[in-house]
Amino acid sequence: ETLKDLTAGYHQDDIYNVNETGLFFKCLPDKTLTFKGDLCSGGINSKERLTVMLGANSSITHKLKPLIIGKAKKQRCFKNISTHPTKYVANRKAWMTGEIFCDWLKETNREVKQKKKILLC
């Protein structure tokens, strides 16, 4: 079966695609530009990371709330903020797990479904 066959019964508004990626927010670049003769010292790459999952429907009329997975149960930077445009969850390695994905899927399905069938690719 081709993707066209699988999506034949769905409107573009009802076909969603999601993807996750690792965000190494403290990593140093492996190259830099310097002036001739200037010293440039290297550093050690940090392993600090977040996992980010983003998604939208095929017609790009609905973008899903980003899912951020970190290590800290409570982020200090969000201490005095009651709402923000992402969903944040934590686990020991800041990785996606089956449990986190299932919870996200149930919540997203409630938000998106609206008494119609959707396709998640």
PDB file of N, CA and C in Angstrom:
ATOM      1  N   GLU A   1       0.842  -1.197   0.000  1.00  0.00           N
ATOM      2  CA  GLU A   1       0.000   0.000   0.000  1.00  0.00           C
ATOM      3  C   GLU A   1       0.878   1.249   0.000  1.00  0.00           C
ATOM      4  N   THR A   2       0.425   2.237  -0.705  1.00  0.00           N
ATOM      5  CA  THR A   2       1.152   3.504  -0.730  1.00  0.00           C
ATOM      6  C   THR A   2       0.508   4.469   0.249  1.00  0.00           C
ATOM      7  N   LEU A   3       1.211   5.540   0.541  1.00  0.00           N
ATOM      8  CA  LEU A   3       0.672   6.564   1.432  1.00  0.00           C
ATOM      9  C   LEU A   3      -0.622   7.137   0.871  1.00  0.00           C
ATOM     10  N   LYS A   4      -0.683   7.278  -0.432  1.00  0.00           N
ATOM     11  CA  LYS A   4      -1.895   7.798  -1.082  1.00  0.00           C
ATOM     12  C   LYS A   4      -3.087   6.874  -0.812  1.00  0.00           C
ATOM     13  N   ASP A   5      -2.861   5.554  -0.869  1.00  0.00           N
ATOM     14  CA  ASP A   5      -3.930   4.587  -0.588  1.00  0.00           C
ATOM     15  C   ASP A   5      -4.370   4.664   0.873  1.00  0.00           C
ATOM     16  N   LEU A   6      -3.409   4.780   1.777  1.00  0.00           N
ATOM     17  CA  LEU A   6      -3.722   4.821   3.208  1.00  0.00           C
ATOM     18  C   LEU A   6      -4.502   6.075   3.605  1.00  0.00           C
ATOM     19  N   THR A   7      -4.244   7.172   2.925  1.00  0.00           N
ATOM     20  CA  THR A   7      -4.879   8.447   3.288  1.00  0.00           C
ATOM     21  C   THR A   7      -6.108   8.765   2.442  1.00  0.00           C
ATOM     22  N   ALA A   8      -6.495   7.860   1.555  1.00  0.00           N
ATOM     23  CA  ALA A   8      -7.577   8.127   0.596  1.00  0.00           C
ATOM     24  C   ALA A   8      -8.896   8.534   1.258  1.00  0.00           C
ATOM     25  N   GLY A   9      -9.256   7.963   2.377  1.00  0.00           N
ATOM     26  CA  GLY A   9     -10.539   8.262   3.016  1.00  0.00           C
ATOM     27  C   GLY A   9     -10.519   9.439   3.967  1.00  0.00           C
ATOM     28  N   TYR A  10      -9.434  10.184   3.991  1.00  0.00           N
ATOM     29  CA  TYR A  10      -9.276  11.269   4.958  1.00  0.00           C
ATOM     30  C   TYR A  10      -9.123  12.618   4.256  1.00  0.00           C
ATOM     31  N   HIS A  11      -9.655  13.649   4.887  1.00  0.00           N
ATOM     32  CA  HIS A  11      -9.438  15.028   4.427  1.00  0.00           C
ATOM     33  C   HIS A  11      -8.074  15.477   4.959  1.00  0.00           C
ATOM     34  N   GLN A  12      -7.399  16.380   4.256  1.00  0.00           N
ATOM     35  CA  GLN A  12      -6.075  16.860   4.694  1.00  0.00           C
ATOM     36  C   GLN A  12      -6.100  17.439   6.105  1.00  0.00           C
ATOM     37  N   ASP A  13      -7.215  18.016   6.500  1.00  0.00           N
ATOM     38  CA  ASP A  13      -7.325  18.575   7.855  1.00  0.00           C
ATOM     39  C   ASP A  13      -7.280  17.494   8.923  1.00  0.00           C
ATOM     40  N   ASP A  14      -7.559  16.243   8.534  1.00  0.00           N
ATOM     41  CA  ASP A  14      -7.648  15.145   9.492  1.00  0.00           C
ATOM     42  C   ASP A  14      -6.444  14.209   9.462  1.00  0.00           C
ATOM     43  N   ILE A  15      -5.423  14.547   8.701  1.00  0.00           N
ATOM     44  CA  ILE A  15      -4.196  13.747   8.638  1.00  0.00           C
ATOM     45  C   ILE A  15      -3.099  14.518   9.363  1.00  0.00           C
ATOM     46  N   TYR A  16      -2.563  13.927  10.421  1.00  0.00           N
ATOM     47  CA  TYR A  16      -1.546  14.582  11.245  1.00  0.00           C
ATOM     48  C   TYR A  16      -0.222  13.847  11.141  1.00  0.00           C
ATOM     49  N   ASN A  17       0.848  14.596  11.213  1.00  0.00           N
ATOM     50  CA  ASN A  17       2.192  14.029  11.250  1.00  0.00           C
ATOM     51  C   ASN A  17       2.913  14.607  12.465  1.00  0.00           C
ATOM     52  N   VAL A  18       3.584  13.748  13.209  1.00  0.00           N
ATOM     53  CA  VAL A  18       4.380  14.200  14.356  1.00  0.00           C
ATOM     54  C   VAL A  18       5.783  13.629  14.234  1.00  0.00           C
ATOM     55  N   ASN A  19       6.724  14.313  14.851  1.00  0.00           N
ATOM     56  CA  ASN A  19       8.100  13.841  14.854  1.00  0.00           C
ATOM     57  C   ASN A  19       8.778  14.339  16.116  1.00  0.00           C
ATOM     58  N   GLU A  20       9.700  13.553  16.610  1.00  0.00           N
ATOM     59  CA  GLU A  20      10.442  13.959  17.803  1.00  0.00           C
ATOM     60  C   GLU A  20      11.912  14.117  17.456  1.00  0.00           C
ATOM     61  N   THR A  21      12.572  14.959  18.215  1.00  0.00           N
ATOM     62  CA  THR A  21      13.995  15.188  18.010  1.00  0.00           C
ATOM     63  C   THR A  21      14.642  15.514  19.346  1.00  0.00           C
ATOM     64  N   GLY A  22      15.927  15.251  19.443  1.00  0.00           N
ATOM     65  CA  GLY A  22      16.689  15.628  20.626  1.00  0.00           C
ATOM     66  C   GLY A  22      17.218  17.042  20.462  1.00  0.00           C
ATOM     67  N   LEU A  23      17.108  17.828  21.500  1.00  0.00           N
ATOM     68  CA  LEU A  23      17.617  19.197  21.488  1.00  0.00           C
ATOM     69  C   LEU A  23      18.725  19.286  22.536  1.00  0.00           C
ATOM     70  N   PHE A  24      19.966  19.347  22.075  1.00  0.00           N
ATOM     71  CA  PHE A  24      21.121  19.463  22.965  1.00  0.00           C
ATOM     72  C   PHE A  24      21.411  20.944  23.133  1.00  0.00           C
ATOM     73  N   PHE A  25      20.736  21.555  24.094  1.00  0.00           N
ATOM     74  CA  PHE A  25      20.716  23.014  24.214  1.00  0.00           C
ATOM     75  C   PHE A  25      21.989  23.619  24.795  1.00  0.00           C
ATOM     76  N   LYS A  26      22.896  22.810  25.296  1.00  0.00           N
ATOM     77  CA  LYS A  26      24.150  23.348  25.831  1.00  0.00           C
ATOM     78  C   LYS A  26      25.362  22.935  25.001  1.00  0.00           C
ATOM     79  N   CYS A  27      25.137  22.329  23.857  1.00  0.00           N
ATOM     80  CA  CYS A  27      26.252  21.876  23.016  1.00  0.00           C
ATOM     81  C   CYS A  27      26.993  23.046  22.395  1.00  0.00           C
ATOM     82  N   LEU A  28      28.287  22.891  22.340  1.00  0.00           N
ATOM     83  CA  LEU A  28      29.129  23.885  21.685  1.00  0.00           C
ATOM     84  C   LEU A  28      29.273  23.528  20.214  1.00  0.00           C
ATOM     85  N   PRO A  29      29.462  24.512  19.354  1.00  0.00           N
ATOM     86  CA  PRO A  29      29.691  24.200  17.937  1.00  0.00           C
ATOM     87  C   PRO A  29      31.032  23.493  17.763  1.00  0.00           C
ATOM     88  N   ASP A  30      31.140  22.678  16.713  1.00  0.00           N
ATOM     89  CA  ASP A  30      32.409  21.988  16.477  1.00  0.00           C
ATOM     90  C   ASP A  30      33.345  22.793  15.583  1.00  0.00           C
ATOM     91  N   LYS A  31      32.852  23.910  15.031  1.00  0.00           N
ATOM     92  CA  LYS A  31      33.680  24.808  14.222  1.00  0.00           C
ATOM     93  C   LYS A  31      33.315  26.244  14.566  1.00  0.00           C
ATOM     94  N   THR A  32      34.268  27.145  14.368  1.00  0.00           N
ATOM     95  CA  THR A  32      34.007  28.562  14.597  1.00  0.00           C
ATOM     96  C   THR A  32      34.888  29.390  13.675  1.00  0.00           C
ATOM     97  N   LEU A  33      34.473  30.602  13.425  1.00  0.00           N
ATOM     98  CA  LEU A  33      35.270  31.511  12.609  1.00  0.00           C
ATOM     99  C   LEU A  33      36.080  32.411  13.537  1.00  0.00           C
ATOM    100  N   THR A  34      37.364  32.555  13.253  1.00  0.00           N
ATOM    101  CA  THR A  34      38.215  33.463  14.024  1.00  0.00           C
ATOM    102  C   THR A  34      39.088  34.243  13.060  1.00  0.00           C
ATOM    103  N   PHE A  35      39.619  35.332  13.556  1.00  0.00           N
ATOM    104  CA  PHE A  35      40.577  36.097  12.763  1.00  0.00           C
ATOM    105  C   PHE A  35      41.920  35.384  12.807  1.00  0.00           C
ATOM    106  N   LYS A  36      42.664  35.515  11.737  1.00  0.00           N
ATOM    107  CA  LYS A  36      43.967  34.871  11.648  1.00  0.00           C
ATOM    108  C   LYS A  36      44.832  35.323  12.827  1.00  0.00           C
ATOM    109  N   GLY A  37      45.413  34.370  13.523  1.00  0.00           N
ATOM    110  CA  GLY A  37      46.279  34.681  14.648  1.00  0.00           C
ATOM    111  C   GLY A  37      45.561  34.671  15.994  1.00  0.00           C
ATOM    112  N   ASP A  38      44.219  34.756  16.012  1.00  0.00           N
ATOM    113  CA  ASP A  38      43.476  34.714  17.278  1.00  0.00           C
ATOM    114  C   ASP A  38      43.430  33.283  17.806  1.00  0.00           C
ATOM    115  N   LEU A  39      43.475  33.153  19.118  1.00  0.00           N
ATOM    116  CA  LEU A  39      43.358  31.843  19.741  1.00  0.00           C
ATOM    117  C   LEU A  39      41.894  31.433  19.794  1.00  0.00           C
ATOM    118  N   CYS A  40      41.673  30.160  19.636  1.00  0.00           N
ATOM    119  CA  CYS A  40      40.320  29.615  19.738  1.00  0.00           C
ATOM    120  C   CYS A  40      40.426  28.313  20.515  1.00  0.00           C
ATOM    121  N   SER A  41      39.861  28.273  21.703  1.00  0.00           N
ATOM    122  CA  SER A  41      39.966  27.058  22.508  1.00  0.00           C
ATOM    123  C   SER A  41      38.694  26.232  22.376  1.00  0.00           C
ATOM    124  N   GLY A  42      38.869  24.939  22.415  1.00  0.00           N
ATOM    125  CA  GLY A  42      37.740  24.022  22.285  1.00  0.00           C
ATOM    126  C   GLY A  42      37.065  23.783  23.619  1.00  0.00           C
ATOM    127  N   GLY A  43      35.993  23.062  23.588  1.00  0.00           N
ATOM    128  CA  GLY A  43      35.260  22.742  24.805  1.00  0.00           C
ATOM    129  C   GLY A  43      34.747  21.319  24.746  1.00  0.00           C
ATOM    130  N   ILE A  44      34.131  20.897  25.808  1.00  0.00           N
ATOM    131  CA  ILE A  44      33.552  19.563  25.881  1.00  0.00           C
ATOM    132  C   ILE A  44      32.057  19.697  25.633  1.00  0.00           C
ATOM    133  N   ASN A  45      31.531  18.837  24.768  1.00  0.00           N
ATOM    134  CA  ASN A  45      30.106  18.892  24.477  1.00  0.00           C
ATOM    135  C   ASN A  45      29.288  18.402  25.661  1.00  0.00           C
ATOM    136  N   SER A  46      28.270  19.147  25.989  1.00  0.00           N
ATOM    137  CA  SER A  46      27.366  18.792  27.067  1.00  0.00           C
ATOM    138  C   SER A  46      26.395  17.718  26.587  1.00  0.00           C
ATOM    139  N   LYS A  47      25.991  16.865  27.489  1.00  0.00           N
ATOM    140  CA  LYS A  47      24.997  15.852  27.152  1.00  0.00           C
ATOM    141  C   LYS A  47      23.610  16.255  27.651  1.00  0.00           C
ATOM    142  N   GLU A  48      23.488  17.486  28.167  1.00  0.00           N
ATOM    143  CA  GLU A  48      22.185  17.988  28.602  1.00  0.00           C
ATOM    144  C   GLU A  48      21.269  18.053  27.396  1.00  0.00           C
ATOM    145  N   ARG A  49      20.064  17.534  27.543  1.00  0.00           N
ATOM    146  CA  ARG A  49      19.168  17.482  26.402  1.00  0.00           C
ATOM    147  C   ARG A  49      17.720  17.613  26.816  1.00  0.00           C
ATOM    148  N   LEU A  50      16.907  17.945  25.853  1.00  0.00           N
ATOM    149  CA  LEU A  50      15.458  17.871  25.936  1.00  0.00           C
ATOM    150  C   LEU A  50      15.016  17.058  24.730  1.00  0.00           C
ATOM    151  N   THR A  51      13.892  16.393  24.838  1.00  0.00           N
ATOM    152  CA  THR A  51      13.273  15.794  23.664  1.00  0.00           C
ATOM    153  C   THR A  51      12.079  16.666  23.326  1.00  0.00           C
ATOM    154  N   VAL A  52      11.942  16.984  22.054  1.00  0.00           N
ATOM    155  CA  VAL A  52      10.859  17.846  21.594  1.00  0.00           C
ATOM    156  C   VAL A  52      10.062  17.086  20.543  1.00  0.00           C
ATOM    157  N   MET A  53       8.739  17.086  20.689  1.00  0.00           N
ATOM    158  CA  MET A  53       7.881  16.481  19.675  1.00  0.00           C
ATOM    159  C   MET A  53       6.935  17.549  19.137  1.00  0.00           C
ATOM    160  N   LEU A  54       6.946  17.695  17.820  1.00  0.00           N
ATOM    161  CA  LEU A  54       6.116  18.687  17.141  1.00  0.00           C
ATOM    162  C   LEU A  54       5.217  17.979  16.145  1.00  0.00           C
ATOM    163  N   GLY A  55       4.064  18.579  15.859  1.00  0.00           N
ATOM    164  CA  GLY A  55       3.166  17.980  14.880  1.00  0.00           C
ATOM    165  C   GLY A  55       2.170  18.984  14.342  1.00  0.00           C
ATOM    166  N   ALA A  56       1.613  18.644  13.190  1.00  0.00           N
ATOM    167  CA  ALA A  56       0.595  19.487  12.552  1.00  0.00           C
ATOM    168  C   ALA A  56      -0.200  18.627  11.582  1.00  0.00           C
ATOM    169  N   ASN A  57      -1.346  19.164  11.150  1.00  0.00           N
ATOM    170  CA  ASN A  57      -2.106  18.436  10.139  1.00  0.00           C
ATOM    171  C   ASN A  57      -1.547  18.736   8.754  1.00  0.00           C
ATOM    172  N   SER A  58      -1.956  17.939   7.766  1.00  0.00           N
ATOM    173  CA  SER A  58      -1.396  18.053   6.412  1.00  0.00           C
ATOM    174  C   SER A  58      -1.667  19.393   5.756  1.00  0.00           C
ATOM    175  N   SER A  59      -2.787  20.010   6.099  1.00  0.00           N
ATOM    176  CA  SER A  59      -3.107  21.306   5.501  1.00  0.00           C
ATOM    177  C   SER A  59      -2.453  22.459   6.264  1.00  0.00           C
ATOM    178  N   ILE A  60      -1.755  22.138   7.334  1.00  0.00           N
ATOM    179  CA  ILE A  60      -1.050  23.095   8.200  1.00  0.00           C
ATOM    180  C   ILE A  60      -1.996  24.151   8.775  1.00  0.00           C
ATOM    181  N   THR A  61      -3.257  23.774   8.953  1.00  0.00           N
ATOM    182  CA  THR A  61      -4.215  24.690   9.573  1.00  0.00           C
ATOM    183  C   THR A  61      -4.289  24.486  11.078  1.00  0.00           C
ATOM    184  N   HIS A  62      -3.709  23.376  11.569  1.00  0.00           N
ATOM    185  CA  HIS A  62      -3.707  23.117  13.013  1.00  0.00           C
ATOM    186  C   HIS A  62      -2.348  22.568  13.434  1.00  0.00           C
ATOM    187  N   LYS A  63      -1.652  23.331  14.251  1.00  0.00           N
ATOM    188  CA  LYS A  63      -0.371  22.879  14.805  1.00  0.00           C
ATOM    189  C   LYS A  63      -0.627  22.380  16.217  1.00  0.00           C
ATOM    190  N   LEU A  64      -0.122  21.196  16.520  1.00  0.00           N
ATOM    191  CA  LEU A  64      -0.294  20.620  17.852  1.00  0.00           C
ATOM    192  C   LEU A  64       0.599  21.334  18.853  1.00  0.00           C
ATOM    193  N   LYS A  65       0.169  21.324  20.103  1.00  0.00           N
ATOM    194  CA  LYS A  65       0.973  21.908  21.175  1.00  0.00           C
ATOM    195  C   LYS A  65       2.265  21.107  21.294  1.00  0.00           C
ATOM    196  N   PRO A  66       3.425  21.760  21.244  1.00  0.00           N
ATOM    197  CA  PRO A  66       4.693  21.028  21.352  1.00  0.00           C
ATOM    198  C   PRO A  66       4.802  20.273  22.683  1.00  0.00           C
ATOM    199  N   LEU A  67       5.358  19.083  22.627  1.00  0.00           N
ATOM    200  CA  LEU A  67       5.636  18.290  23.819  1.00  0.00           C
ATOM    201  C   LEU A  67       7.126  18.400  24.101  1.00  0.00           C
ATOM    202  N   ILE A  68       7.467  18.817  25.307  1.00  0.00           N
ATOM    203  CA  ILE A  68       8.859  18.938  25.739  1.00  0.00           C
ATOM    204  C   ILE A  68       9.082  17.911  26.847  1.00  0.00           C
ATOM    205  N   ILE A  69      10.122  17.106  26.709  1.00  0.00           N
ATOM    206  CA  ILE A  69      10.465  16.116  27.731  1.00  0.00           C
ATOM    207  C   ILE A  69      11.825  16.491  28.297  1.00  0.00           C
ATOM    208  N   GLY A  70      11.864  16.750  29.595  1.00  0.00           N
ATOM    209  CA  GLY A  70      13.104  17.112  30.269  1.00  0.00           C
ATOM    210  C   GLY A  70      13.346  16.216  31.464  1.00  0.00           C
ATOM    211  N   LYS A  71      14.392  16.502  32.205  1.00  0.00           N
ATOM    212  CA  LYS A  71      14.728  15.697  33.380  1.00  0.00           C
ATOM    213  C   LYS A  71      14.085  16.224  34.660  1.00  0.00           C
ATOM    214  N   ALA A  72      13.971  17.532  34.792  1.00  0.00           N
ATOM    215  CA  ALA A  72      13.477  18.140  36.030  1.00  0.00           C
ATOM    216  C   ALA A  72      11.961  18.021  36.131  1.00  0.00           C
ATOM    217  N   LYS A  73      11.476  17.600  37.298  1.00  0.00           N
ATOM    218  CA  LYS A  73      10.027  17.505  37.515  1.00  0.00           C
ATOM    219  C   LYS A  73       9.377  18.882  37.426  1.00  0.00           C
ATOM    220  N   LYS A  74      10.022  19.864  38.044  1.00  0.00           N
ATOM    221  CA  LYS A  74       9.508  21.237  38.011  1.00  0.00           C
ATOM    222  C   LYS A  74      10.612  22.147  37.499  1.00  0.00           C
ATOM    223  N   GLN A  75      10.347  22.802  36.403  1.00  0.00           N
ATOM    224  CA  GLN A  75      11.322  23.725  35.827  1.00  0.00           C
ATOM    225  C   GLN A  75      11.302  25.047  36.593  1.00  0.00           C
ATOM    226  N   ARG A  76      12.454  25.477  37.078  1.00  0.00           N
ATOM    227  CA  ARG A  76      12.528  26.754  37.802  1.00  0.00           C
ATOM    228  C   ARG A  76      12.149  27.936  36.926  1.00  0.00           C
ATOM    229  N   CYS A  77      12.440  27.845  35.634  1.00  0.00           N
ATOM    230  CA  CYS A  77      12.138  28.968  34.745  1.00  0.00           C
ATOM    231  C   CYS A  77      10.634  29.180  34.588  1.00  0.00           C
ATOM    232  N   PHE A  78       9.823  28.169  34.903  1.00  0.00           N
ATOM    233  CA  PHE A  78       8.371  28.294  34.800  1.00  0.00           C
ATOM    234  C   PHE A  78       7.717  28.497  36.166  1.00  0.00           C
ATOM    235  N   LYS A  79       8.498  28.820  37.169  1.00  0.00           N
ATOM    236  CA  LYS A  79       8.019  28.901  38.544  1.00  0.00           C
ATOM    237  C   LYS A  79       6.779  29.776  38.706  1.00  0.00           C
ATOM    238  N   ASN A  80       6.777  30.965  38.155  1.00  0.00           N
ATOM    239  CA  ASN A  80       5.661  31.894  38.332  1.00  0.00           C
ATOM    240  C   ASN A  80       4.761  31.983  37.102  1.00  0.00           C
ATOM    241  N   ILE A  81       4.834  30.994  36.241  1.00  0.00           N
ATOM    242  CA  ILE A  81       4.015  30.986  35.032  1.00  0.00           C
ATOM    243  C   ILE A  81       2.978  29.875  35.165  1.00  0.00           C
ATOM    244  N   SER A  82       1.706  30.250  35.074  1.00  0.00           N
ATOM    245  CA  SER A  82       0.654  29.252  35.255  1.00  0.00           C
ATOM    246  C   SER A  82       0.326  28.501  33.963  1.00  0.00           C
ATOM    247  N   THR A  83       0.446  29.162  32.819  1.00  0.00           N
ATOM    248  CA  THR A  83       0.196  28.490  31.543  1.00  0.00           C
ATOM    249  C   THR A  83       1.286  28.865  30.547  1.00  0.00           C
ATOM    250  N   HIS A  84       1.619  27.948  29.685  1.00  0.00           N
ATOM    251  CA  HIS A  84       2.547  28.238  28.595  1.00  0.00           C
ATOM    252  C   HIS A  84       2.166  27.367  27.405  1.00  0.00           C
ATOM    253  N   PRO A  85       2.633  27.697  26.206  1.00  0.00           N
ATOM    254  CA  PRO A  85       2.141  27.043  24.990  1.00  0.00           C
ATOM    255  C   PRO A  85       2.744  25.674  24.689  1.00  0.00           C
ATOM    256  N   THR A  86       3.275  25.006  25.695  1.00  0.00           N
ATOM    257  CA  THR A  86       3.820  23.667  25.492  1.00  0.00           C
ATOM    258  C   THR A  86       3.305  22.740  26.578  1.00  0.00           C
ATOM    259  N   LYS A  87       3.444  21.448  26.345  1.00  0.00           N
ATOM    260  CA  LYS A  87       3.183  20.465  27.391  1.00  0.00           C
ATOM    261  C   LYS A  87       4.550  19.957  27.819  1.00  0.00           C
ATOM    262  N   TYR A  88       4.823  19.995  29.116  1.00  0.00           N
ATOM    263  CA  TYR A  88       6.116  19.564  29.637  1.00  0.00           C
ATOM    264  C   TYR A  88       5.915  18.334  30.515  1.00  0.00           C
ATOM    265  N   VAL A  89       6.737  17.311  30.285  1.00  0.00           N
ATOM    266  CA  VAL A  89       6.779  16.134  31.150  1.00  0.00           C
ATOM    267  C   VAL A  89       8.240  15.816  31.439  1.00  0.00           C
ATOM    268  N   ALA A  90       8.463  15.041  32.486  1.00  0.00           N
ATOM    269  CA  ALA A  90       9.840  14.731  32.880  1.00  0.00           C
ATOM    270  C   ALA A  90      10.037  13.227  33.026  1.00  0.00           C
ATOM    271  N   ASN A  91      11.243  12.795  32.709  1.00  0.00           N
ATOM    272  CA  ASN A  91      11.700  11.469  33.088  1.00  0.00           C
ATOM    273  C   ASN A  91      13.216  11.518  33.246  1.00  0.00           C
ATOM    274  N   ARG A  92      13.790  10.467  33.770  1.00  0.00           N
ATOM    275  CA  ARG A  92      15.197  10.462  34.182  1.00  0.00           C
ATOM    276  C   ARG A  92      16.174  10.809  33.061  1.00  0.00           C
ATOM    277  N   LYS A  93      15.904  10.367  31.839  1.00  0.00           N
ATOM    278  CA  LYS A  93      16.843  10.605  30.738  1.00  0.00           C
ATOM    279  C   LYS A  93      16.353  11.639  29.732  1.00  0.00           C
ATOM    280  N   ALA A  94      15.193  12.204  29.961  1.00  0.00           N
ATOM    281  CA  ALA A  94      14.586  13.179  29.039  1.00  0.00           C
ATOM    282  C   ALA A  94      14.319  12.544  27.676  1.00  0.00           C
ATOM    283  N   TRP A  95      13.931  11.277  27.692  1.00  0.00           N
ATOM    284  CA  TRP A  95      13.633  10.559  26.458  1.00  0.00           C
ATOM    285  C   TRP A  95      12.139  10.272  26.367  1.00  0.00           C
ATOM    286  N   MET A  96      11.679  10.052  25.146  1.00  0.00           N
ATOM    287  CA  MET A  96      10.305   9.614  24.921  1.00  0.00           C
ATOM    288  C   MET A  96      10.183   8.166  25.383  1.00  0.00           C
ATOM    289  N   THR A  97       9.112   7.871  26.093  1.00  0.00           N
ATOM    290  CA  THR A  97       8.820   6.497  26.502  1.00  0.00           C
ATOM    291  C   THR A  97       7.444   6.124  25.963  1.00  0.00           C
ATOM    292  N   GLY A  98       7.128   4.849  26.006  1.00  0.00           N
ATOM    293  CA  GLY A  98       5.809   4.397  25.576  1.00  0.00           C
ATOM    294  C   GLY A  98       4.706   5.021  26.404  1.00  0.00           C
ATOM    295  N   GLU A  99       4.935   5.136  27.703  1.00  0.00           N
ATOM    296  CA  GLU A  99       3.934   5.724  28.597  1.00  0.00           C
ATOM    297  C   GLU A  99       3.702   7.205  28.283  1.00  0.00           C
ATOM    298  N   ILE A 100       4.779   7.953  28.084  1.00  0.00           N
ATOM    299  CA  ILE A 100       4.648   9.377  27.752  1.00  0.00           C
ATOM    300  C   ILE A 100       3.918   9.536  26.424  1.00  0.00           C
ATOM    301  N   PHE A 101       4.272   8.712  25.425  1.00  0.00           N
ATOM    302  CA  PHE A 101       3.618   8.820  24.123  1.00  0.00           C
ATOM    303  C   PHE A 101       2.135   8.480  24.219  1.00  0.00           C
ATOM    304  N   CYS A 102       1.788   7.420  24.950  1.00  0.00           N
ATOM    305  CA  CYS A 102       0.370   7.042  25.093  1.00  0.00           C
ATOM    306  C   CYS A 102      -0.428   8.140  25.784  1.00  0.00           C
ATOM    307  N   ASP A 103       0.130   8.735  26.843  1.00  0.00           N
ATOM    308  CA  ASP A 103      -0.546   9.848  27.523  1.00  0.00           C
ATOM    309  C   ASP A 103      -0.735  11.022  26.572  1.00  0.00           C
ATOM    310  N   TRP A 104       0.312  11.350  25.807  1.00  0.00           N
ATOM    311  CA  TRP A 104       0.224  12.445  24.838  1.00  0.00           C
ATOM    312  C   TRP A 104      -0.827  12.137  23.771  1.00  0.00           C
ATOM    313  N   LEU A 105      -0.832  10.896  23.298  1.00  0.00           N
ATOM    314  CA  LEU A 105      -1.762  10.491  22.248  1.00  0.00           C
ATOM    315  C   LEU A 105      -3.212  10.593  22.721  1.00  0.00           C
ATOM    316  N   LYS A 106      -3.492  10.132  23.934  1.00  0.00           N
ATOM    317  CA  LYS A 106      -4.855  10.223  24.478  1.00  0.00           C
ATOM    318  C   LYS A 106      -5.293  11.679  24.604  1.00  0.00           C
ATOM    319  N   GLU A 107      -4.427  12.518  25.139  1.00  0.00           N
ATOM    320  CA  GLU A 107      -4.746  13.937  25.307  1.00  0.00           C
ATOM    321  C   GLU A 107      -4.944  14.623  23.950  1.00  0.00           C
ATOM    322  N   THR A 108      -4.072  14.340  23.009  1.00  0.00           N
ATOM    323  CA  THR A 108      -4.164  14.938  21.675  1.00  0.00           C
ATOM    324  C   THR A 108      -5.413  14.452  20.955  1.00  0.00           C
ATOM    325  N   ASN A 109      -5.742  13.183  21.108  1.00  0.00           N
ATOM    326  CA  ASN A 109      -6.935  12.637  20.471  1.00  0.00           C
ATOM    327  C   ASN A 109      -8.192  13.338  20.986  1.00  0.00           C
ATOM    328  N   ARG A 110      -8.257  13.589  22.293  1.00  0.00           N
ATOM    329  CA  ARG A 110      -9.409  14.314  22.852  1.00  0.00           C
ATOM    330  C   ARG A 110      -9.501  15.719  22.267  1.00  0.00           C
ATOM    331  N   GLU A 111      -8.364  16.357  22.104  1.00  0.00           N
ATOM    332  CA  GLU A 111      -8.322  17.726  21.584  1.00  0.00           C
ATOM    333  C   GLU A 111      -8.699  17.794  20.106  1.00  0.00           C
ATOM    334  N   VAL A 112      -8.223  16.861  19.315  1.00  0.00           N
ATOM    335  CA  VAL A 112      -8.335  16.933  17.858  1.00  0.00           C
ATOM    336  C   VAL A 112      -9.583  16.233  17.314  1.00  0.00           C
ATOM    337  N   LYS A 113      -9.988  15.177  17.951  1.00  0.00           N
ATOM    338  CA  LYS A 113     -10.991  14.266  17.403  1.00  0.00           C
ATOM    339  C   LYS A 113     -12.304  14.940  17.009  1.00  0.00           C
ATOM    340  N   GLN A 114     -12.959  15.607  17.907  1.00  0.00           N
ATOM    341  CA  GLN A 114     -14.224  16.309  17.657  1.00  0.00           C
ATOM    342  C   GLN A 114     -15.211  15.464  16.851  1.00  0.00           C
ATOM    343  N   LYS A 115     -15.423  14.244  17.275  1.00  0.00           N
ATOM    344  CA  LYS A 115     -16.382  13.324  16.661  1.00  0.00           C
ATOM    345  C   LYS A 115     -16.052  12.974  15.209  1.00  0.00           C
ATOM    346  N   LYS A 116     -14.794  12.977  14.856  1.00  0.00           N
ATOM    347  CA  LYS A 116     -14.389  12.550  13.519  1.00  0.00           C
ATOM    348  C   LYS A 116     -13.147  11.684  13.641  1.00  0.00           C
ATOM    349  N   LYS A 117     -12.910  10.899  12.643  1.00  0.00           N
ATOM    350  CA  LYS A 117     -11.761  10.005  12.627  1.00  0.00           C
ATOM    351  C   LYS A 117     -10.549  10.764  12.090  1.00  0.00           C
ATOM    352  N   ILE A 118      -9.397  10.618  12.767  1.00  0.00           N
ATOM    353  CA  ILE A 118      -8.162  11.259  12.303  1.00  0.00           C
ATOM    354  C   ILE A 118      -7.113  10.186  12.037  1.00  0.00           C
ATOM    355  N   LEU A 119      -6.128  10.545  11.248  1.00  0.00           N
ATOM    356  CA  LEU A 119      -5.023   9.645  10.922  1.00  0.00           C
ATOM    357  C   LEU A 119      -3.738  10.282  11.415  1.00  0.00           C
ATOM    358  N   LEU A 120      -2.979   9.539  12.211  1.00  0.00           N
ATOM    359  CA  LEU A 120      -1.703  10.028  12.733  1.00  0.00           C
ATOM    360  C   LEU A 120      -0.587   9.260  12.049  1.00  0.00           C
ATOM    361  N   CYS A 121       0.262   9.960  11.313  1.00  0.00           N
ATOM    362  CA  CYS A 121       1.375   9.329  10.582  1.00  0.00           C
ATOM    363  C   CYS A 121       2.670   9.547  11.327  1.00  0.00           C
TER     364      CYS A 121
END
